[in-house]
Amino acid sequence: MTSISPDTALLITAAGLSRRMGGGVKKEFRFIKGKPVLCLCLETFVKTGLFSSVVITMQPEDFEEARFLLNSCPGGKDVVLVPGGGTRQQSVCKGLLYLKKDNPEWVMIHDGARPWVTPDLIHSIYEGMKKYGACVSVVQAHEAMKEMGSGDIINAHLSRTAVLAAQTPQAFRYAEILKAHERAAEEQVSTVDDTDLYHRYIGAVHTVPGDPGNRKITFNHDMENHMRIGFGWDIHRLVPGRPLVIGGVVIPFDKGEEGHSDGDALIHAVIDALLGASCLGDIGTHFPPSDPDLKDISSLVLLRKTAALVRDEGFSLGNIDCTVILEKPKLSPYMQSLKAALAKVLECPAGHISVKAKTREGLDAAGEGRAVEAHAVVLLFK
């Protein structure tokens, strides 16, 4: 059984821009089997009980969303977010400098985009670190390795037994890897990873067998997940004597939606989009208008139940784009409240939800003020 050191820090790097993922949501914020990549990564380390503190480097503009996601992860509330640099090397150096105030004896450095790291691998590297001062896991190359010369010409044929791929975590005596990073910064030396720096300025790095499953997410296909898109549409007649409810928010008006529930056309469109994307049927199947228990029920309740069904199928929400078609009243004063209400029930950042309002310019039932119509498009990951 590994003996736990009360003086080992964990440094996770997540300050990259995910350009090779094609933009959009940061790879560390994307979901796999219902959990953010960053949380999957963090919770594995937390479960080992080896670490006295955790620092994650990240660009400041991502702090708010990271904190939202981390608050639901084991140990996430104790994580310190540190502004990253322009390169991974600079981000690691900033993280190490932050740890200077605690001055831990040991530090383990890991890519936030490697969510499949295992406790066994962490323990193996930890033991190697304690015994040798520096340790990394490596895996054998399965392809024929070549050294390239100029003009796309092969310069040398490398032995697969001699060329190995280094993974993370990489673990070191804290004072030594900090010294290596500080010297590299002074000399403006850029290297491929932390073991390269350590070897250049300090000494030998011990290796242990790695895990081929401990892959780093670099491109979209590395996620090995299924992307699903769903579309939902709904329309409700507007009648006197009913409240106008849109997105779970009551809008002051002299008419409201006619319906068995509260008639919230926006939420009904979102529900159908979620069910469609996950191939779980439609709103009428799960919440039939013949059910007396659903009479005048808040559609937020139905949305919460739908979100649970979708999560149970292993899906996680990417984003939602909605359009409400209503001649009057104007919805602009209520947009932030609509997004906040939906985000709360769906347990996602408000930034993942878009709600737009349009009119029909006097055309058809919605344009004549006799109905409210809503469209929703949902992106799910599995």
Protein backbone atom coordinates (compact mmCIF):
# COMPACT_ATOMS: atom_id res chain seq x y z
CA MET A 1 0.00 0.00 0.00
CA THR A 2 1.41 3.41 -0.95
CA SER A 3 2.28 5.59 2.00
CA ILE A 4 0.55 8.95 1.75
CA SER A 5 2.71 12.05 1.78
CA PRO A 6 1.02 15.09 3.31
CA ASP A 7 3.33 17.25 1.23
CA THR A 8 2.61 16.35 -2.40
CA ALA A 9 0.92 18.91 -4.64
CA LEU A 10 -1.01 18.20 -7.84
CA LEU A 11 -0.68 20.62 -10.74
CA ILE A 12 -3.13 20.17 -13.62
CA THR A 13 -2.66 22.13 -16.84
CA ALA A 14 -5.79 23.34 -18.65
CA ALA A 15 -4.78 26.71 -20.06
CA GLY A 16 -4.77 25.74 -23.74
CA LEU A 17 -7.22 27.13 -26.31
CA SER A 18 -8.30 23.76 -27.82
CA ARG A 19 -7.62 25.05 -31.34
CA ARG A 20 -7.12 21.54 -32.75
CA MET A 21 -10.58 20.63 -31.44
CA GLY A 22 -12.02 23.08 -33.97
CA GLY A 23 -12.96 25.76 -31.43
CA GLY A 24 -16.15 25.96 -29.42
CA VAL A 25 -16.28 24.46 -25.94
CA LYS A 26 -12.86 23.86 -24.34
CA LYS A 27 -11.95 20.18 -24.36
CA GLU A 28 -11.58 20.16 -20.56
CA PHE A 29 -15.17 21.46 -20.31
CA ARG A 30 -16.66 18.89 -22.68
CA PHE A 31 -18.56 15.96 -21.24
CA ILE A 32 -17.88 12.24 -21.32
CA LYS A 33 -20.60 9.97 -19.92
CA GLY A 34 -22.24 12.89 -18.18
CA LYS A 35 -19.13 14.38 -16.54
CA PRO A 36 -16.77 17.18 -17.62
CA VAL A 37 -13.35 15.99 -18.80
CA LEU A 38 -11.68 18.15 -16.14
CA CYS A 39 -13.77 16.59 -13.36
CA LEU A 40 -13.13 13.05 -14.58
CA CYS A 41 -9.43 13.84 -14.43
CA LEU A 42 -9.55 15.50 -11.00
CA GLU A 43 -11.70 12.92 -9.23
CA THR A 44 -9.29 10.08 -10.08
CA PHE A 45 -6.43 11.92 -8.38
CA VAL A 46 -8.60 12.91 -5.42
CA LYS A 47 -9.64 9.29 -4.83
CA THR A 48 -6.01 8.25 -4.33
CA GLY A 49 -5.72 10.45 -1.22
CA LEU A 50 -2.10 11.28 -2.12
CA PHE A 51 -2.33 15.04 -2.53
CA SER A 52 -2.29 17.84 -0.01
CA SER A 53 -3.26 20.55 -2.51
CA VAL A 54 -4.48 20.93 -6.11
CA VAL A 55 -3.72 23.78 -8.51
CA ILE A 56 -5.16 24.07 -12.03
CA THR A 57 -3.72 26.53 -14.54
CA MET A 58 -6.28 28.10 -16.84
CA GLN A 59 -6.92 31.28 -18.78
CA PRO A 60 -8.72 33.83 -16.54
CA GLU A 61 -11.68 34.13 -18.92
CA ASP A 62 -12.43 30.44 -18.25
CA PHE A 63 -12.37 30.72 -14.44
CA GLU A 64 -16.12 31.26 -14.02
CA GLU A 65 -17.17 28.20 -16.01
CA ALA A 66 -14.40 26.09 -14.49
CA ARG A 67 -15.52 26.98 -10.99
CA PHE A 68 -19.12 26.15 -11.88
CA LEU A 69 -18.09 22.69 -13.10
CA LEU A 70 -15.58 22.02 -10.32
CA ASN A 71 -18.07 22.81 -7.57
CA SER A 72 -19.88 19.57 -8.39
CA CYS A 73 -16.69 17.45 -8.50
CA PRO A 74 -15.18 15.59 -5.55
CA GLY A 75 -12.52 17.90 -4.13
CA GLY A 76 -13.38 20.56 -6.71
CA LYS A 77 -14.22 23.28 -4.20
CA ASP A 78 -10.70 23.09 -2.75
CA VAL A 79 -8.99 23.56 -6.13
CA VAL A 80 -7.03 26.78 -6.68
CA LEU A 81 -7.25 28.27 -10.19
CA VAL A 82 -4.07 30.01 -11.37
CA PRO A 83 -3.80 32.11 -14.56
CA GLY A 84 -1.93 30.18 -17.26
CA GLY A 85 0.59 31.41 -19.78
CA GLY A 86 0.87 31.47 -23.54
CA THR A 87 2.42 27.99 -23.71
CA ARG A 88 2.12 24.84 -21.63
CA GLN A 89 5.66 25.36 -20.32
CA GLN A 90 4.80 28.88 -19.18
CA SER A 91 1.57 27.66 -17.55
CA VAL A 92 3.39 24.93 -15.61
CA CYS A 93 5.97 27.48 -14.47
CA LYS A 94 3.21 29.80 -13.22
CA GLY A 95 1.59 26.94 -11.35
CA LEU A 96 4.89 25.97 -9.74
CA LEU A 97 5.58 29.57 -8.72
CA TYR A 98 2.15 29.75 -7.07
CA LEU A 99 2.99 26.64 -5.04
CA LYS A 100 6.11 28.38 -3.74
CA LYS A 101 4.14 29.73 -0.79
CA ASP A 102 3.35 26.17 0.33
CA ASN A 103 6.76 24.82 -0.69
CA PRO A 104 5.66 21.17 -1.07
CA GLU A 105 8.29 18.46 -1.12
CA TRP A 106 6.84 16.80 -4.22
CA VAL A 107 4.67 17.77 -7.18
CA MET A 108 2.84 15.75 -9.82
CA ILE A 109 2.04 17.50 -13.12
CA HIS A 110 -0.81 16.26 -15.32
CA ASP A 111 -2.60 17.29 -18.51
CA GLY A 112 -6.21 18.25 -17.84
CA ALA A 113 -7.09 16.66 -21.18
CA ARG A 114 -6.12 13.14 -20.02
CA PRO A 115 -9.30 12.01 -18.25
CA TRP A 116 -8.59 8.26 -18.51
CA VAL A 117 -5.65 8.18 -16.08
CA THR A 118 -6.05 5.38 -13.52
CA PRO A 119 -5.34 5.21 -9.76
CA ASP A 120 -2.90 2.34 -10.38
CA LEU A 121 -0.83 4.46 -12.78
CA ILE A 122 -0.85 7.41 -10.36
CA HIS A 123 0.38 5.16 -7.53
CA SER A 124 3.09 3.67 -9.75
CA ILE A 125 4.43 7.09 -10.73
CA TYR A 126 4.15 8.28 -7.13
CA GLU A 127 6.32 5.39 -5.91
CA GLY A 128 8.87 6.05 -8.65
CA MET A 129 8.97 9.72 -7.73
CA LYS A 130 9.59 8.96 -4.05
CA LYS A 131 12.33 6.45 -4.88
CA TYR A 132 14.17 8.22 -7.71
CA GLY A 133 13.20 11.92 -7.41
CA ALA A 134 11.61 12.11 -10.86
CA CYS A 135 9.30 9.69 -12.65
CA VAL A 136 7.14 9.44 -15.79
CA SER A 137 5.11 6.71 -17.46
CA VAL A 138 5.97 5.71 -21.02
CA VAL A 139 4.32 3.54 -23.66
CA GLN A 140 5.85 1.79 -26.64
CA ALA A 141 5.25 3.09 -30.13
CA HIS A 142 3.14 0.78 -32.29
CA GLU A 143 3.89 2.45 -35.61
CA ALA A 144 7.20 2.45 -37.49
CA MET A 145 9.00 5.58 -36.27
CA LYS A 146 10.96 7.79 -38.67
CA GLU A 147 13.21 10.81 -38.27
CA MET A 148 12.51 13.31 -41.01
CA GLY A 149 15.04 15.35 -42.92
CA SER A 150 14.51 18.27 -45.24
CA GLY A 151 12.11 18.14 -48.14
CA ASP A 152 9.82 15.48 -46.61
CA ILE A 153 12.61 12.89 -46.93
CA ILE A 154 13.15 10.22 -44.25
CA ASN A 155 16.49 10.82 -42.56
CA ALA A 156 16.62 7.81 -40.23
CA HIS A 157 14.59 4.72 -39.28
CA LEU A 158 14.19 4.58 -35.51
CA SER A 159 13.86 1.50 -33.37
CA ARG A 160 10.43 1.14 -31.77
CA THR A 161 12.07 -0.39 -28.70
CA ALA A 162 14.22 2.70 -28.20
CA VAL A 163 11.59 5.36 -28.96
CA LEU A 164 8.87 5.62 -26.32
CA ALA A 165 5.97 8.03 -25.85
CA ALA A 166 5.90 9.91 -22.54
CA GLN A 167 2.57 10.46 -20.81
CA THR A 168 1.42 12.46 -17.82
CA PRO A 169 1.36 12.63 -14.88
CA GLN A 170 5.03 13.48 -14.54
CA ALA A 171 6.29 13.67 -10.96
CA PHE A 172 9.28 15.44 -9.40
CA ARG A 173 10.85 16.80 -6.28
CA TYR A 174 9.23 20.23 -6.22
CA ALA A 175 12.35 22.35 -5.62
CA GLU A 176 14.17 20.65 -8.49
CA ILE A 177 11.52 21.00 -11.17
CA LEU A 178 10.91 24.61 -10.11
CA LYS A 179 14.62 25.29 -10.48
CA ALA A 180 14.59 23.70 -13.95
CA HIS A 181 11.66 25.86 -15.04
CA GLU A 182 13.20 29.04 -13.67
CA ARG A 183 16.48 28.37 -15.47
CA ALA A 184 14.66 27.62 -18.71
CA ALA A 185 12.74 30.90 -18.39
CA GLU A 186 15.97 32.83 -17.78
CA GLU A 187 17.69 31.20 -20.76
CA GLN A 188 14.56 31.33 -22.95
CA VAL A 189 14.73 27.58 -23.53
CA SER A 190 11.60 25.84 -24.80
CA THR A 191 11.25 22.06 -24.44
CA VAL A 192 8.66 19.40 -25.23
CA ASP A 193 7.67 18.56 -21.65
CA ASP A 194 8.71 18.73 -18.01
CA THR A 195 10.90 15.62 -18.14
CA ASP A 196 12.91 17.29 -20.91
CA LEU A 197 13.50 20.31 -18.68
CA TYR A 198 14.39 18.14 -15.69
CA HIS A 199 16.83 16.04 -17.70
CA ARG A 200 18.42 19.17 -19.17
CA TYR A 201 19.00 20.98 -15.86
CA ILE A 202 18.76 18.45 -13.03
CA GLY A 203 19.33 14.81 -13.94
CA ALA A 204 17.89 11.46 -14.93
CA VAL A 205 14.16 10.71 -15.02
CA HIS A 206 12.99 7.23 -14.04
CA THR A 207 10.27 5.58 -16.12
CA VAL A 208 7.48 3.14 -15.33
CA PRO A 209 5.24 1.28 -17.80
CA GLY A 210 2.43 3.54 -18.97
CA ASP A 211 -1.17 2.80 -19.85
CA PRO A 212 -2.20 2.93 -23.54
CA GLY A 213 -5.66 3.97 -22.35
CA ASN A 214 -4.22 7.12 -20.74
CA ARG A 215 -4.73 9.09 -23.94
CA LYS A 216 -4.66 12.83 -24.33
CA ILE A 217 -7.63 14.51 -26.00
CA THR A 218 -6.30 16.62 -28.86
CA PHE A 219 -8.79 16.24 -31.68
CA ASN A 220 -12.56 15.76 -31.72
CA HIS A 221 -12.26 12.06 -32.58
CA ASP A 222 -10.24 11.53 -29.39
CA MET A 223 -13.41 12.07 -27.38
CA GLU A 224 -14.83 8.80 -28.74
CA ASN A 225 -18.29 10.09 -28.01
CA HIS A 226 -21.44 10.36 -30.04
CA MET A 227 -22.80 13.77 -30.89
CA ARG A 228 -26.57 14.01 -31.22
CA ILE A 229 -28.68 16.91 -32.45
CA GLY A 230 -32.36 17.29 -31.60
CA PHE A 231 -35.04 19.70 -32.82
CA GLY A 232 -38.20 20.67 -30.98
CA TRP A 233 -41.20 22.83 -31.90
CA ASP A 234 -44.38 23.83 -30.10
CA ILE A 235 -47.25 26.26 -30.47
CA HIS A 236 -49.98 27.27 -28.01
CA ARG A 237 -53.08 29.38 -28.46
CA LEU A 238 -53.17 32.56 -26.36
CA VAL A 239 -56.39 33.00 -24.37
CA PRO A 240 -57.62 35.38 -21.65
CA GLY A 241 -57.52 34.26 -18.04
CA ARG A 242 -54.29 32.27 -18.27
CA PRO A 243 -50.75 33.34 -17.21
CA LEU A 244 -48.19 33.79 -19.98
CA VAL A 245 -45.31 31.48 -18.99
CA ILE A 246 -42.18 31.36 -21.14
CA GLY A 247 -39.08 29.48 -20.08
CA GLY A 248 -40.50 29.09 -16.59
CA VAL A 249 -40.87 32.86 -16.18
CA VAL A 250 -44.31 34.48 -15.81
CA ILE A 251 -44.53 37.42 -18.24
CA PRO A 252 -47.08 40.16 -17.39
CA PHE A 253 -49.74 40.14 -20.16
CA ASP A 254 -53.52 39.98 -20.58
CA LYS A 255 -53.40 36.54 -22.20
CA GLY A 256 -51.65 33.25 -21.56
CA GLU A 257 -51.11 29.84 -23.16
CA GLU A 258 -53.97 27.43 -23.38
CA GLY A 259 -52.82 23.94 -22.39
CA HIS A 260 -53.13 20.97 -20.02
CA SER A 261 -49.96 22.03 -18.18
CA ASP A 262 -48.93 25.67 -17.85
CA GLY A 263 -48.60 25.71 -21.66
CA ASP A 264 -44.95 26.89 -21.68
CA ALA A 265 -44.22 26.57 -25.41
CA LEU A 266 -40.50 27.31 -25.02
CA ILE A 267 -39.89 24.56 -22.48
CA HIS A 268 -42.06 22.13 -24.43
CA ALA A 269 -39.90 22.74 -27.51
CA VAL A 270 -36.73 22.19 -25.44
CA ILE A 271 -38.16 18.96 -23.98
CA ASP A 272 -38.97 17.61 -27.45
CA ALA A 273 -35.47 18.57 -28.68
CA LEU A 274 -33.84 16.74 -25.74
CA LEU A 275 -36.01 13.67 -26.23
CA GLY A 276 -35.43 13.73 -29.97
CA ALA A 277 -31.65 13.97 -29.67
CA SER A 278 -31.57 11.04 -27.25
CA CYS A 279 -34.18 9.02 -29.23
CA LEU A 280 -36.49 8.79 -26.22
CA GLY A 281 -39.75 9.64 -27.93
CA ASP A 282 -41.65 12.90 -27.54
CA ILE A 283 -43.27 15.02 -24.86
CA GLY A 284 -46.70 13.47 -25.39
CA THR A 285 -45.32 9.99 -24.72
CA HIS A 286 -43.77 10.92 -21.39
CA PHE A 287 -46.25 13.58 -20.26
CA PRO A 288 -49.61 12.84 -21.93
CA PRO A 289 -52.36 15.49 -21.73
CA SER A 290 -54.69 12.76 -20.46
CA ASP A 291 -52.75 12.50 -17.19
CA PRO A 292 -54.75 14.40 -14.52
CA ASP A 293 -51.64 14.74 -12.34
CA LEU A 294 -50.13 17.02 -15.00
CA LYS A 295 -53.02 19.50 -14.97
CA ASP A 296 -51.56 23.05 -14.72
CA ILE A 297 -48.16 21.61 -13.71
CA SER A 298 -45.10 23.84 -14.16
CA SER A 299 -43.22 22.85 -17.29
CA LEU A 300 -39.99 23.35 -15.33
CA VAL A 301 -40.92 20.16 -13.46
CA LEU A 302 -41.34 18.34 -16.77
CA LEU A 303 -38.02 19.71 -18.01
CA ARG A 304 -36.24 18.54 -14.86
CA LYS A 305 -37.64 15.02 -15.33
CA THR A 306 -36.64 15.06 -18.99
CA ALA A 307 -33.10 16.15 -18.18
CA ALA A 308 -32.81 13.25 -15.72
CA LEU A 309 -33.99 10.79 -18.40
CA VAL A 310 -31.41 12.11 -20.84
CA ARG A 311 -28.60 11.91 -18.25
CA ASP A 312 -29.62 8.35 -17.36
CA GLU A 313 -28.99 7.43 -21.00
CA GLY A 314 -25.43 8.73 -20.64
CA PHE A 315 -25.91 11.98 -22.53
CA SER A 316 -24.63 15.39 -21.48
CA LEU A 317 -25.70 18.78 -22.76
CA GLY A 318 -23.55 20.70 -25.21
CA ASN A 319 -25.76 23.72 -25.85
CA ILE A 320 -29.33 24.81 -26.60
CA ASP A 321 -30.44 27.40 -29.15
CA CYS A 322 -34.06 28.57 -28.88
CA THR A 323 -36.31 30.98 -30.73
CA VAL A 324 -39.62 32.25 -29.36
CA ILE A 325 -42.07 33.73 -31.88
CA LEU A 326 -44.45 36.15 -30.21
CA GLU A 327 -45.95 39.36 -31.50
CA LYS A 328 -46.27 40.90 -28.04
CA PRO A 329 -45.28 41.51 -25.32
CA LYS A 330 -41.57 42.15 -25.94
CA LEU A 331 -39.37 39.54 -24.28
CA SER A 332 -36.06 41.43 -24.17
CA PRO A 333 -36.49 42.54 -20.51
CA TYR A 334 -36.88 38.89 -19.47
CA MET A 335 -34.14 37.19 -21.50
CA GLN A 336 -31.61 36.85 -18.69
CA SER A 337 -34.27 35.47 -16.36
CA LEU A 338 -35.33 32.94 -19.01
CA LYS A 339 -31.78 31.70 -19.51
CA ALA A 340 -31.13 31.54 -15.75
CA ALA A 341 -34.30 29.53 -15.14
CA LEU A 342 -33.44 27.02 -17.87
CA ALA A 343 -29.79 26.77 -16.77
CA LYS A 344 -30.78 26.06 -13.18
CA VAL A 345 -33.07 23.17 -14.10
CA LEU A 346 -30.68 21.75 -16.71
CA GLU A 347 -27.70 22.16 -14.33
CA CYS A 348 -25.53 23.85 -16.93
CA PRO A 349 -23.89 27.29 -17.33
CA ALA A 350 -26.23 29.98 -18.65
CA GLY A 351 -23.65 30.57 -21.37
CA HIS A 352 -24.67 27.25 -22.93
CA ILE A 353 -28.21 28.48 -23.55
CA SER A 354 -29.35 30.94 -26.22
CA VAL A 355 -32.87 32.36 -26.34
CA LYS A 356 -33.95 34.69 -29.14
CA ALA A 357 -37.27 36.43 -29.74
CA LYS A 358 -38.87 37.08 -33.13
CA THR A 359 -42.19 38.29 -34.52
CA ARG A 360 -44.14 37.05 -37.56
CA GLU A 361 -44.69 40.56 -38.83
CA GLY A 362 -48.45 40.10 -38.61
CA LEU A 363 -48.49 36.80 -40.50
CA ASP A 364 -50.32 33.62 -39.36
CA ALA A 365 -51.62 32.91 -35.82
CA ALA A 366 -48.44 33.98 -34.01
CA GLY A 367 -48.14 37.12 -36.10
CA GLU A 368 -51.76 38.03 -35.40
CA GLY A 369 -51.14 37.68 -31.64
CA ARG A 370 -53.35 34.59 -31.30
CA ALA A 371 -50.53 32.14 -30.45
CA VAL A 372 -46.97 31.77 -29.14
CA GLU A 373 -44.58 29.52 -31.02
CA ALA A 374 -41.15 28.16 -30.04
CA HIS A 375 -38.31 26.30 -31.73
CA ALA A 376 -35.32 24.65 -30.02
CA VAL A 377 -32.17 22.93 -31.24
CA VAL A 378 -30.15 20.85 -28.76
CA LEU A 379 -26.64 19.39 -28.98
CA LEU A 380 -25.91 16.36 -26.79
CA PHE A 381 -22.69 14.41 -26.23
CA LYS A 382 -22.33 10.79 -25.16
